[in-house]
Amino acid sequence: MKRFLVAIHHRDDYDPAIAEDESMHRNIDRLNKEMVAAGVRIFVGGLHRAIEAKSIQTDQSGHLSVTGCPYLRTDEHMAGFWVLECADMDDALEWGKKAAFACLAPVEVREFH
């Protein structure tokens, strides 16, 4: 079995109080239960907003600097993710489609080395 990251992405101005309702929460809960029942879910986690992130970078001399912002300069960031154990990418993509439907958000599926 291979492991895959199934990542949910939100715009930085995403407000769960406005965008999420009980129906969405039920769909996500149902998906999590389905993943557990299928034996594919290794880990799941939601992330705080990217605006709260800290980035660490090093320069050529090895000096580290910490900044109070996300590393990537974009208006969308990862909002949460699942780590799944699946037979192959096709299987992981099927779970990714279910995640996109449940969360009403774009999903990225990537295999771990």
C-alpha atoms as a PDB file:
ATOM      1  CA  MET A   1       0.000   0.000   0.000  1.00  0.00           C
ATOM      2  CA  LYS A   2       1.099   3.546  -0.736  1.00  0.00           C
ATOM      3  CA  ARG A   3       0.456   6.680   1.293  1.00  0.00           C
ATOM      4  CA  PHE A   4      -1.130   9.802  -0.128  1.00  0.00           C
ATOM      5  CA  LEU A   5      -1.749  13.354   1.004  1.00  0.00           C
ATOM      6  CA  VAL A   6      -5.265  14.578   0.245  1.00  0.00           C
ATOM      7  CA  ALA A   7      -5.121  18.335   0.864  1.00  0.00           C
ATOM      8  CA  ILE A   8      -8.022  20.787   1.009  1.00  0.00           C
ATOM      9  CA  HIS A   9      -7.322  24.360  -0.116  1.00  0.00           C
ATOM     10  CA  HIS A  10      -9.178  27.534   0.838  1.00  0.00           C
ATOM     11  CA  ARG A  11      -8.823  31.155  -0.149  1.00  0.00           C
ATOM     12  CA  ASP A  12      -7.148  33.213   2.558  1.00  0.00           C
ATOM     13  CA  ASP A  13     -10.364  35.159   3.140  1.00  0.00           C
ATOM     14  CA  TYR A  14     -12.323  31.930   3.777  1.00  0.00           C
ATOM     15  CA  ASP A  15     -14.568  32.318   6.806  1.00  0.00           C
ATOM     16  CA  PRO A  16     -15.926  29.003   8.140  1.00  0.00           C
ATOM     17  CA  ALA A  17     -18.661  30.849  10.029  1.00  0.00           C
ATOM     18  CA  ILE A  18     -20.060  31.983   6.680  1.00  0.00           C
ATOM     19  CA  ALA A  19     -19.034  29.175   4.304  1.00  0.00           C
ATOM     20  CA  GLU A  20     -19.761  26.123   6.437  1.00  0.00           C
ATOM     21  CA  ASP A  21     -23.104  24.828   7.617  1.00  0.00           C
ATOM     22  CA  GLU A  22     -24.393  21.733   9.409  1.00  0.00           C
ATOM     23  CA  SER A  23     -24.816  19.912   6.101  1.00  0.00           C
ATOM     24  CA  MET A  24     -21.126  20.353   5.267  1.00  0.00           C
ATOM     25  CA  HIS A  25     -20.097  19.207   8.739  1.00  0.00           C
ATOM     26  CA  ARG A  26     -22.277  16.097   8.374  1.00  0.00           C
ATOM     27  CA  ASN A  27     -20.738  15.356   4.957  1.00  0.00           C
ATOM     28  CA  ILE A  28     -17.215  15.668   6.358  1.00  0.00           C
ATOM     29  CA  ASP A  29     -18.075  13.513   9.386  1.00  0.00           C
ATOM     30  CA  ARG A  30     -19.624  10.914   7.068  1.00  0.00           C
ATOM     31  CA  LEU A  31     -16.501  10.914   4.881  1.00  0.00           C
ATOM     32  CA  ASN A  32     -14.209  10.484   7.899  1.00  0.00           C
ATOM     33  CA  LYS A  33     -16.293   7.545   9.137  1.00  0.00           C
ATOM     34  CA  GLU A  34     -16.212   6.002   5.652  1.00  0.00           C
ATOM     35  CA  MET A  35     -12.416   6.367   5.495  1.00  0.00           C
ATOM     36  CA  VAL A  36     -12.008   4.745   8.914  1.00  0.00           C
ATOM     37  CA  ALA A  37     -14.384   1.901   8.002  1.00  0.00           C
ATOM     38  CA  ALA A  38     -12.435   1.299   4.770  1.00  0.00           C
ATOM     39  CA  GLY A  39      -9.165   1.238   6.725  1.00  0.00           C
ATOM     40  CA  VAL A  40      -7.515   3.942   4.601  1.00  0.00           C
ATOM     41  CA  ARG A  41      -7.302   6.879   7.012  1.00  0.00           C
ATOM     42  CA  ILE A  42      -3.927   7.238   8.750  1.00  0.00           C
ATOM     43  CA  PHE A  43      -4.265  10.841   9.949  1.00  0.00           C
ATOM     44  CA  VAL A  44      -6.514  13.852   9.472  1.00  0.00           C
ATOM     45  CA  GLY A  45      -5.989  17.454  10.530  1.00  0.00           C
ATOM     46  CA  GLY A  46      -7.312  20.931   9.993  1.00  0.00           C
ATOM     47  CA  LEU A  47      -4.972  23.909   9.928  1.00  0.00           C
ATOM     48  CA  HIS A  48      -5.275  27.425  11.266  1.00  0.00           C
ATOM     49  CA  ARG A  49      -5.410  30.202   8.692  1.00  0.00           C
ATOM     50  CA  ALA A  50      -2.209  30.789   6.718  1.00  0.00           C
ATOM     51  CA  ILE A  51      -2.033  34.381   7.978  1.00  0.00           C
ATOM     52  CA  GLU A  52      -1.056  32.870  11.356  1.00  0.00           C
ATOM     53  CA  ALA A  53       1.824  30.871   9.851  1.00  0.00           C
ATOM     54  CA  LYS A  54       5.514  31.439  10.470  1.00  0.00           C
ATOM     55  CA  SER A  55       8.115  30.771   7.796  1.00  0.00           C
ATOM     56  CA  ILE A  56      11.733  29.812   8.346  1.00  0.00           C
ATOM     57  CA  GLN A  57      14.288  30.435   5.640  1.00  0.00           C
ATOM     58  CA  THR A  58      18.051  30.142   5.437  1.00  0.00           C
ATOM     59  CA  ASP A  59      20.438  32.204   3.376  1.00  0.00           C
ATOM     60  CA  GLN A  60      23.654  31.003   1.703  1.00  0.00           C
ATOM     61  CA  SER A  61      25.682  31.612   4.882  1.00  0.00           C
ATOM     62  CA  GLY A  62      23.342  29.398   6.897  1.00  0.00           C
ATOM     63  CA  HIS A  63      21.644  32.267   8.767  1.00  0.00           C
ATOM     64  CA  LEU A  64      18.038  31.453   9.652  1.00  0.00           C
ATOM     65  CA  SER A  65      15.281  34.016   9.612  1.00  0.00           C
ATOM     66  CA  VAL A  66      11.715  33.637  10.862  1.00  0.00           C
ATOM     67  CA  THR A  67       8.952  35.686   9.310  1.00  0.00           C
ATOM     68  CA  GLY A  68       5.364  36.072  10.446  1.00  0.00           C
ATOM     69  CA  CYS A  69       3.732  35.024   7.214  1.00  0.00           C
ATOM     70  CA  PRO A  70       3.195  31.962   5.047  1.00  0.00           C
ATOM     71  CA  TYR A  71       6.111  30.922   2.855  1.00  0.00           C
ATOM     72  CA  LEU A  72       4.072  30.880  -0.352  1.00  0.00           C
ATOM     73  CA  ARG A  73       2.833  34.235  -1.566  1.00  0.00           C
ATOM     74  CA  THR A  74      -0.584  33.282  -2.890  1.00  0.00           C
ATOM     75  CA  ASP A  75      -4.208  33.901  -1.979  1.00  0.00           C
ATOM     76  CA  GLU A  76      -4.989  30.202  -1.391  1.00  0.00           C
ATOM     77  CA  HIS A  77      -3.375  27.850   1.110  1.00  0.00           C
ATOM     78  CA  MET A  78      -3.809  24.377   2.516  1.00  0.00           C
ATOM     79  CA  ALA A  79      -6.617  24.388   5.076  1.00  0.00           C
ATOM     80  CA  GLY A  80      -6.528  20.742   6.114  1.00  0.00           C
ATOM     81  CA  PHE A  81      -5.534  17.306   4.971  1.00  0.00           C
ATOM     82  CA  TRP A  82      -5.832  13.568   5.250  1.00  0.00           C
ATOM     83  CA  VAL A  83      -3.025  11.045   5.043  1.00  0.00           C
ATOM     84  CA  LEU A  84      -4.461   7.930   3.424  1.00  0.00           C
ATOM     85  CA  GLU A  85      -3.115   4.488   2.694  1.00  0.00           C
ATOM     86  CA  CYS A  86      -4.379   3.394  -0.721  1.00  0.00           C
ATOM     87  CA  ALA A  87      -3.540   0.807  -3.348  1.00  0.00           C
ATOM     88  CA  ASP A  88      -2.694   3.409  -6.004  1.00  0.00           C
ATOM     89  CA  MET A  89      -3.272   6.957  -7.240  1.00  0.00           C
ATOM     90  CA  ASP A  90      -6.621   6.033  -8.771  1.00  0.00           C
ATOM     91  CA  ASP A  91      -7.884   4.852  -5.387  1.00  0.00           C
ATOM     92  CA  ALA A  92      -6.532   8.006  -3.700  1.00  0.00           C
ATOM     93  CA  LEU A  93      -8.221  10.171  -6.344  1.00  0.00           C
ATOM     94  CA  GLU A  94     -11.581   8.576  -5.587  1.00  0.00           C
ATOM     95  CA  TRP A  95     -11.160   9.602  -1.944  1.00  0.00           C
ATOM     96  CA  GLY A  96     -10.014  13.038  -3.097  1.00  0.00           C
ATOM     97  CA  LYS A  97     -13.207  13.466  -5.124  1.00  0.00           C
ATOM     98  CA  LYS A  98     -15.260  12.617  -2.047  1.00  0.00           C
ATOM     99  CA  ALA A  99     -13.239  15.130  -0.021  1.00  0.00           C
ATOM    100  CA  ALA A 100     -13.796  17.872  -2.621  1.00  0.00           C
ATOM    101  CA  PHE A 101     -17.534  17.178  -2.523  1.00  0.00           C
ATOM    102  CA  ALA A 102     -17.748  17.072   1.284  1.00  0.00           C
ATOM    103  CA  CYS A 103     -15.642  20.218   1.814  1.00  0.00           C
ATOM    104  CA  LEU A 104     -16.827  22.109  -1.278  1.00  0.00           C
ATOM    105  CA  ALA A 105     -13.204  23.046  -1.907  1.00  0.00           C
ATOM    106  CA  PRO A 106     -10.336  22.276  -4.279  1.00  0.00           C
ATOM    107  CA  VAL A 107      -8.331  19.164  -3.392  1.00  0.00           C
ATOM    108  CA  GLU A 108      -4.785  18.167  -4.237  1.00  0.00           C
ATOM    109  CA  VAL A 109      -3.724  14.495  -4.078  1.00  0.00           C
ATOM    110  CA  ARG A 110      -0.011  13.685  -3.843  1.00  0.00           C
ATOM    111  CA  GLU A 111       1.838  10.442  -3.184  1.00  0.00           C
ATOM    112  CA  PHE A 112       4.458  10.247  -0.445  1.00  0.00           C
ATOM    113  CA  HIS A 113       7.920   8.935  -1.353  1.00  0.00           C
END
